[in-house]
Amino acid sequence: MACQAEDSKRLKYVSVSTTYCFVPVAVETLGALGVEATDFMLQLGRRIAKTSGERRATEFLLCLSVAIQRTW
């Protein structure tokens, strides 16, 4: 389901992706992330950890899906 939402977002924002690096982030009701969103969060977490020295940066980002689930 999240993969379909990612595809839908990619089509909706196709004009943005020609100018910017666009990564569709889709989160399912139970907190599952789409494939592209997961890859993006892992890469971003590694970069934040490297820059900040916070080894748990990736874990914090992946908890974002739980936070979205609770507030939704």
PDB file of N, CA and C in Angstrom:
ATOM      1  N   MET A   1       0.804  -1.191   0.000  1.00  0.00           N
ATOM      2  CA  MET A   1       0.000   0.000   0.000  1.00  0.00           C
ATOM      3  C   MET A   1       0.856   1.268   0.000  1.00  0.00           C
ATOM      4  N   ALA A   2       1.894   1.294   0.845  1.00  0.00           N
ATOM      5  CA  ALA A   2       2.760   2.469   0.901  1.00  0.00           C
ATOM      6  C   ALA A   2       3.497   2.653  -0.424  1.00  0.00           C
ATOM      7  N   CYS A   3       3.837   1.551  -1.074  1.00  0.00           N
ATOM      8  CA  CYS A   3       4.521   1.640  -2.373  1.00  0.00           C
ATOM      9  C   CYS A   3       3.619   2.283  -3.421  1.00  0.00           C
ATOM     10  N   GLN A   4       2.343   1.967  -3.388  1.00  0.00           N
ATOM     11  CA  GLN A   4       1.397   2.587  -4.317  1.00  0.00           C
ATOM     12  C   GLN A   4       1.262   4.074  -4.037  1.00  0.00           C
ATOM     13  N   ALA A   5       1.264   4.441  -2.764  1.00  0.00           N
ATOM     14  CA  ALA A   5       1.180   5.855  -2.393  1.00  0.00           C
ATOM     15  C   ALA A   5       2.425   6.603  -2.847  1.00  0.00           C
ATOM     16  N   GLU A   6       3.586   5.949  -2.743  1.00  0.00           N
ATOM     17  CA  GLU A   6       4.817   6.571  -3.232  1.00  0.00           C
ATOM     18  C   GLU A   6       4.732   6.818  -4.740  1.00  0.00           C
ATOM     19  N   ASP A   7       4.236   5.840  -5.472  1.00  0.00           N
ATOM     20  CA  ASP A   7       4.078   5.995  -6.921  1.00  0.00           C
ATOM     21  C   ASP A   7       3.132   7.142  -7.249  1.00  0.00           C
ATOM     22  N   SER A   8       2.040   7.231  -6.517  1.00  0.00           N
ATOM     23  CA  SER A   8       1.062   8.294  -6.722  1.00  0.00           C
ATOM     24  C   SER A   8       1.675   9.669  -6.460  1.00  0.00           C
ATOM     25  N   LYS A   9       2.432   9.784  -5.373  1.00  0.00           N
ATOM     26  CA  LYS A   9       3.083  11.057  -5.050  1.00  0.00           C
ATOM     27  C   LYS A   9       4.125  11.419  -6.102  1.00  0.00           C
ATOM     28  N   ARG A  10       4.856  10.435  -6.586  1.00  0.00           N
ATOM     29  CA  ARG A  10       5.867  10.688  -7.614  1.00  0.00           C
ATOM     30  C   ARG A  10       5.212  11.259  -8.866  1.00  0.00           C
ATOM     31  N   LEU A  11       4.068  10.707  -9.264  1.00  0.00           N
ATOM     32  CA  LEU A  11       3.356  11.219 -10.433  1.00  0.00           C
ATOM     33  C   LEU A  11       2.804  12.617 -10.187  1.00  0.00           C
ATOM     34  N   LYS A  12       2.289  12.846  -8.987  1.00  0.00           N
ATOM     35  CA  LYS A  12       1.697  14.150  -8.659  1.00  0.00           C
ATOM     36  C   LYS A  12       2.745  15.264  -8.686  1.00  0.00           C
ATOM     37  N   TYR A  13       3.941  14.955  -8.223  1.00  0.00           N
ATOM     38  CA  TYR A  13       4.980  15.971  -8.109  1.00  0.00           C
ATOM     39  C   TYR A  13       6.086  15.809  -9.143  1.00  0.00           C
ATOM     40  N   VAL A  14       5.745  15.295 -10.302  1.00  0.00           N
ATOM     41  CA  VAL A  14       6.737  15.058 -11.355  1.00  0.00           C
ATOM     42  C   VAL A  14       7.427  16.356 -11.771  1.00  0.00           C
ATOM     43  N   SER A  15       6.728  17.480 -11.760  1.00  0.00           N
ATOM     44  CA  SER A  15       7.345  18.744 -12.165  1.00  0.00           C
ATOM     45  C   SER A  15       8.384  19.209 -11.145  1.00  0.00           C
ATOM     46  N   VAL A  16       8.193  18.876  -9.878  1.00  0.00           N
ATOM     47  CA  VAL A  16       9.149  19.247  -8.833  1.00  0.00           C
ATOM     48  C   VAL A  16      10.430  18.438  -8.974  1.00  0.00           C
ATOM     49  N   SER A  17      10.290  17.184  -9.380  1.00  0.00           N
ATOM     50  CA  SER A  17      11.447  16.290  -9.437  1.00  0.00           C
ATOM     51  C   SER A  17      12.446  16.663 -10.536  1.00  0.00           C
ATOM     52  N   THR A  18      12.050  17.535 -11.457  1.00  0.00           N
ATOM     53  CA  THR A  18      13.002  17.972 -12.474  1.00  0.00           C
ATOM     54  C   THR A  18      13.962  19.019 -11.920  1.00  0.00           C
ATOM     55  N   THR A  19      13.559  19.710 -10.866  1.00  0.00           N
ATOM     56  CA  THR A  19      14.375  20.760 -10.269  1.00  0.00           C
ATOM     57  C   THR A  19      15.034  20.324  -8.964  1.00  0.00           C
ATOM     58  N   TYR A  20      14.337  19.487  -8.185  1.00  0.00           N
ATOM     59  CA  TYR A  20      14.802  19.082  -6.864  1.00  0.00           C
ATOM     60  C   TYR A  20      14.931  17.563  -6.777  1.00  0.00           C
ATOM     61  N   CYS A  21      15.673  17.119  -5.784  1.00  0.00           N
ATOM     62  CA  CYS A  21      15.747  15.690  -5.490  1.00  0.00           C
ATOM     63  C   CYS A  21      14.492  15.355  -4.690  1.00  0.00           C
ATOM     64  N   PHE A  22      13.536  14.692  -5.297  1.00  0.00           N
ATOM     65  CA  PHE A  22      12.248  14.418  -4.683  1.00  0.00           C
ATOM     66  C   PHE A  22      12.167  12.960  -4.238  1.00  0.00           C
ATOM     67  N   VAL A  23      11.873  12.741  -2.962  1.00  0.00           N
ATOM     68  CA  VAL A  23      11.697  11.396  -2.426  1.00  0.00           C
ATOM     69  C   VAL A  23      10.305  11.317  -1.820  1.00  0.00           C
ATOM     70  N   PRO A  24       9.420  10.517  -2.413  1.00  0.00           N
ATOM     71  CA  PRO A  24       8.075  10.396  -1.845  1.00  0.00           C
ATOM     72  C   PRO A  24       8.120   9.602  -0.543  1.00  0.00           C
ATOM     73  N   VAL A  25       7.485  10.126   0.490  1.00  0.00           N
ATOM     74  CA  VAL A  25       7.432   9.451   1.784  1.00  0.00           C
ATOM     75  C   VAL A  25       5.985   9.087   2.054  1.00  0.00           C
ATOM     76  N   ALA A  26       5.730   7.792   2.121  1.00  0.00           N
ATOM     77  CA  ALA A  26       4.385   7.305   2.410  1.00  0.00           C
ATOM     78  C   ALA A  26       4.450   6.413   3.640  1.00  0.00           C
ATOM     79  N   VAL A  27       3.541   6.639   4.576  1.00  0.00           N
ATOM     80  CA  VAL A  27       3.496   5.864   5.805  1.00  0.00           C
ATOM     81  C   VAL A  27       2.120   5.210   5.902  1.00  0.00           C
ATOM     82  N   GLU A  28       2.110   3.889   6.075  1.00  0.00           N
ATOM     83  CA  GLU A  28       0.842   3.178   6.210  1.00  0.00           C
ATOM     84  C   GLU A  28       0.238   3.426   7.593  1.00  0.00           C
ATOM     85  N   THR A  29      -1.014   3.096   7.741  1.00  0.00           N
ATOM     86  CA  THR A  29      -1.733   3.313   8.992  1.00  0.00           C
ATOM     87  C   THR A  29      -1.034   2.669  10.180  1.00  0.00           C
ATOM     88  N   LEU A  30      -0.476   1.501  10.014  1.00  0.00           N
ATOM     89  CA  LEU A  30       0.185   0.815  11.114  1.00  0.00           C
ATOM     90  C   LEU A  30       1.665   1.173  11.227  1.00  0.00           C
ATOM     91  N   GLY A  31       2.097   2.191  10.487  1.00  0.00           N
ATOM     92  CA  GLY A  31       3.452   2.699  10.637  1.00  0.00           C
ATOM     93  C   GLY A  31       4.476   2.199   9.646  1.00  0.00           C
ATOM     94  N   ALA A  32       4.097   1.333   8.728  1.00  0.00           N
ATOM     95  CA  ALA A  32       5.055   0.825   7.746  1.00  0.00           C
ATOM     96  C   ALA A  32       5.395   1.917   6.731  1.00  0.00           C
ATOM     97  N   LEU A  33       6.678   2.035   6.421  1.00  0.00           N
ATOM     98  CA  LEU A  33       7.142   2.998   5.424  1.00  0.00           C
ATOM     99  C   LEU A  33       7.263   2.317   4.073  1.00  0.00           C
ATOM    100  N   GLY A  34       7.170   3.112   3.018  1.00  0.00           N
ATOM    101  CA  GLY A  34       7.416   2.584   1.689  1.00  0.00           C
ATOM    102  C   GLY A  34       8.898   2.324   1.490  1.00  0.00           C
ATOM    103  N   VAL A  35       9.256   1.640   0.425  1.00  0.00           N
ATOM    104  CA  VAL A  35      10.639   1.266   0.148  1.00  0.00           C
ATOM    105  C   VAL A  35      11.522   2.498  -0.007  1.00  0.00           C
ATOM    106  N   GLU A  36      11.090   3.449  -0.817  1.00  0.00           N
ATOM    107  CA  GLU A  36      11.901   4.650  -1.038  1.00  0.00           C
ATOM    108  C   GLU A  36      12.028   5.474   0.235  1.00  0.00           C
ATOM    109  N   ALA A  37      10.962   5.556   1.004  1.00  0.00           N
ATOM    110  CA  ALA A  37      11.004   6.302   2.261  1.00  0.00           C
ATOM    111  C   ALA A  37      11.980   5.654   3.234  1.00  0.00           C
ATOM    112  N   THR A  38      11.984   4.336   3.300  1.00  0.00           N
ATOM    113  CA  THR A  38      12.901   3.626   4.189  1.00  0.00           C
ATOM    114  C   THR A  38      14.341   3.869   3.783  1.00  0.00           C
ATOM    115  N   ASP A  39      14.635   3.750   2.500  1.00  0.00           N
ATOM    116  CA  ASP A  39      15.994   3.998   2.009  1.00  0.00           C
ATOM    117  C   ASP A  39      16.434   5.429   2.320  1.00  0.00           C
ATOM    118  N   PHE A  40      15.529   6.374   2.099  1.00  0.00           N
ATOM    119  CA  PHE A  40      15.830   7.782   2.359  1.00  0.00           C
ATOM    120  C   PHE A  40      16.107   8.014   3.844  1.00  0.00           C
ATOM    121  N   MET A  41      15.262   7.461   4.720  1.00  0.00           N
ATOM    122  CA  MET A  41      15.438   7.641   6.164  1.00  0.00           C
ATOM    123  C   MET A  41      16.756   7.025   6.641  1.00  0.00           C
ATOM    124  N   LEU A  42      17.121   5.864   6.101  1.00  0.00           N
ATOM    125  CA  LEU A  42      18.384   5.226   6.485  1.00  0.00           C
ATOM    126  C   LEU A  42      19.583   6.064   6.056  1.00  0.00           C
ATOM    127  N   GLN A  43      19.543   6.549   4.829  1.00  0.00           N
ATOM    128  CA  GLN A  43      20.639   7.375   4.328  1.00  0.00           C
ATOM    129  C   GLN A  43      20.727   8.691   5.100  1.00  0.00           C
ATOM    130  N   LEU A  44      19.594   9.322   5.350  1.00  0.00           N
ATOM    131  CA  LEU A  44      19.573  10.574   6.094  1.00  0.00           C
ATOM    132  C   LEU A  44      20.052  10.362   7.528  1.00  0.00           C
ATOM    133  N   GLY A  45      19.617   9.276   8.150  1.00  0.00           N
ATOM    134  CA  GLY A  45      20.044   8.963   9.509  1.00  0.00           C
ATOM    135  C   GLY A  45      21.545   8.771   9.606  1.00  0.00           C
ATOM    136  N   ARG A  46      22.121   8.081   8.630  1.00  0.00           N
ATOM    137  CA  ARG A  46      23.576   7.890   8.626  1.00  0.00           C
ATOM    138  C   ARG A  46      24.316   9.221   8.495  1.00  0.00           C
ATOM    139  N   ARG A  47      23.795  10.089   7.641  1.00  0.00           N
ATOM    140  CA  ARG A  47      24.437  11.399   7.464  1.00  0.00           C
ATOM    141  C   ARG A  47      24.321  12.249   8.730  1.00  0.00           C
ATOM    142  N   ILE A  48      23.156  12.239   9.353  1.00  0.00           N
ATOM    143  CA  ILE A  48      22.976  12.998  10.596  1.00  0.00           C
ATOM    144  C   ILE A  48      23.886  12.448  11.685  1.00  0.00           C
ATOM    145  N   ALA A  49      23.955  11.125  11.794  1.00  0.00           N
ATOM    146  CA  ALA A  49      24.813  10.495  12.802  1.00  0.00           C
ATOM    147  C   ALA A  49      26.279  10.868  12.589  1.00  0.00           C
ATOM    148  N   LYS A  50      26.709  10.868  11.347  1.00  0.00           N
ATOM    149  CA  LYS A  50      28.092  11.205  11.034  1.00  0.00           C
ATOM    150  C   LYS A  50      28.394  12.660  11.392  1.00  0.00           C
ATOM    151  N   THR A  51      27.462  13.553  11.085  1.00  0.00           N
ATOM    152  CA  THR A  51      27.668  14.972  11.328  1.00  0.00           C
ATOM    153  C   THR A  51      27.546  15.331  12.806  1.00  0.00           C
ATOM    154  N   SER A  52      26.527  14.777  13.458  1.00  0.00           N
ATOM    155  CA  SER A  52      26.230  15.171  14.839  1.00  0.00           C
ATOM    156  C   SER A  52      26.916  14.306  15.887  1.00  0.00           C
ATOM    157  N   GLY A  53      27.302  13.104  15.507  1.00  0.00           N
ATOM    158  CA  GLY A  53      27.883  12.178  16.471  1.00  0.00           C
ATOM    159  C   GLY A  53      26.829  11.388  17.244  1.00  0.00           C
ATOM    160  N   GLU A  54      25.554  11.638  16.975  1.00  0.00           N
ATOM    161  CA  GLU A  54      24.464  10.910  17.634  1.00  0.00           C
ATOM    162  C   GLU A  54      24.255   9.588  16.910  1.00  0.00           C
ATOM    163  N   ARG A  55      24.684   8.503  17.549  1.00  0.00           N
ATOM    164  CA  ARG A  55      24.622   7.194  16.901  1.00  0.00           C
ATOM    165  C   ARG A  55      23.206   6.694  16.692  1.00  0.00           C
ATOM    166  N   ARG A  56      22.234   7.220  17.435  1.00  0.00           N
ATOM    167  CA  ARG A  56      20.851   6.747  17.325  1.00  0.00           C
ATOM    168  C   ARG A  56      20.009   7.573  16.358  1.00  0.00           C
ATOM    169  N   ALA A  57      20.626   8.423  15.569  1.00  0.00           N
ATOM    170  CA  ALA A  57      19.891   9.307  14.667  1.00  0.00           C
ATOM    171  C   ALA A  57      18.957   8.535  13.737  1.00  0.00           C
ATOM    172  N   THR A  58      19.432   7.435  13.204  1.00  0.00           N
ATOM    173  CA  THR A  58      18.602   6.635  12.299  1.00  0.00           C
ATOM    174  C   THR A  58      17.396   6.071  13.039  1.00  0.00           C
ATOM    175  N   GLU A  59      17.597   5.594  14.250  1.00  0.00           N
ATOM    176  CA  GLU A  59      16.484   5.068  15.046  1.00  0.00           C
ATOM    177  C   GLU A  59      15.428   6.140  15.283  1.00  0.00           C
ATOM    178  N   PHE A  60      15.876   7.357  15.579  1.00  0.00           N
ATOM    179  CA  PHE A  60      14.941   8.451  15.824  1.00  0.00           C
ATOM    180  C   PHE A  60      14.107   8.744  14.581  1.00  0.00           C
ATOM    181  N   LEU A  61      14.745   8.732  13.422  1.00  0.00           N
ATOM    182  CA  LEU A  61      14.011   8.979  12.180  1.00  0.00           C
ATOM    183  C   LEU A  61      12.997   7.873  11.894  1.00  0.00           C
ATOM    184  N   LEU A  62      13.387   6.640  12.138  1.00  0.00           N
ATOM    185  CA  LEU A  62      12.474   5.529  11.875  1.00  0.00           C
ATOM    186  C   LEU A  62      11.303   5.528  12.856  1.00  0.00           C
ATOM    187  N   CYS A  63      11.470   6.129  14.011  1.00  0.00           N
ATOM    188  CA  CYS A  63      10.363   6.268  14.969  1.00  0.00           C
ATOM    189  C   CYS A  63       9.346   7.298  14.490  1.00  0.00           C
ATOM    190  N   LEU A  64       9.716   8.044  13.463  1.00  0.00           N
ATOM    191  CA  LEU A  64       8.795   9.032  12.899  1.00  0.00           C
ATOM    192  C   LEU A  64       7.492   8.384  12.461  1.00  0.00           C
ATOM    193  N   SER A  65       7.559   7.191  11.904  1.00  0.00           N
ATOM    194  CA  SER A  65       6.333   6.511  11.453  1.00  0.00           C
ATOM    195  C   SER A  65       5.413   6.208  12.618  1.00  0.00           C
ATOM    196  N   VAL A  66       5.979   5.907  13.785  1.00  0.00           N
ATOM    197  CA  VAL A  66       5.170   5.654  14.984  1.00  0.00           C
ATOM    198  C   VAL A  66       4.536   6.947  15.441  1.00  0.00           C
ATOM    199  N   ALA A  67       5.273   8.043  15.413  1.00  0.00           N
ATOM    200  CA  ALA A  67       4.742   9.341  15.822  1.00  0.00           C
ATOM    201  C   ALA A  67       3.605   9.773  14.902  1.00  0.00           C
ATOM    202  N   ILE A  68       3.751   9.542  13.619  1.00  0.00           N
ATOM    203  CA  ILE A  68       2.698   9.889  12.662  1.00  0.00           C
ATOM    204  C   ILE A  68       1.458   9.038  12.937  1.00  0.00           C
ATOM    205  N   GLN A  69       1.669   7.773  13.207  1.00  0.00           N
ATOM    206  CA  GLN A  69       0.556   6.866  13.482  1.00  0.00           C
ATOM    207  C   GLN A  69      -0.234   7.330  14.704  1.00  0.00           C
ATOM    208  N   ARG A  70       0.460   7.759  15.737  1.00  0.00           N
ATOM    209  CA  ARG A  70      -0.205   8.163  16.978  1.00  0.00           C
ATOM    210  C   ARG A  70      -0.971   9.455  16.826  1.00  0.00           C
ATOM    211  N   THR A  71      -0.466  10.396  16.039  1.00  0.00           N
ATOM    212  CA  THR A  71      -1.133  11.685  15.899  1.00  0.00           C
ATOM    213  C   THR A  71      -2.227  11.658  14.846  1.00  0.00           C
ATOM    214  N   TRP A  72      -2.182  10.694  13.979  1.00  0.00           N
ATOM    215  CA  TRP A  72      -3.165  10.626  12.909  1.00  0.00           C
ATOM    216  C   TRP A  72      -4.454  10.188  13.471  1.00  0.00           C
TER     217      TRP A  72
END
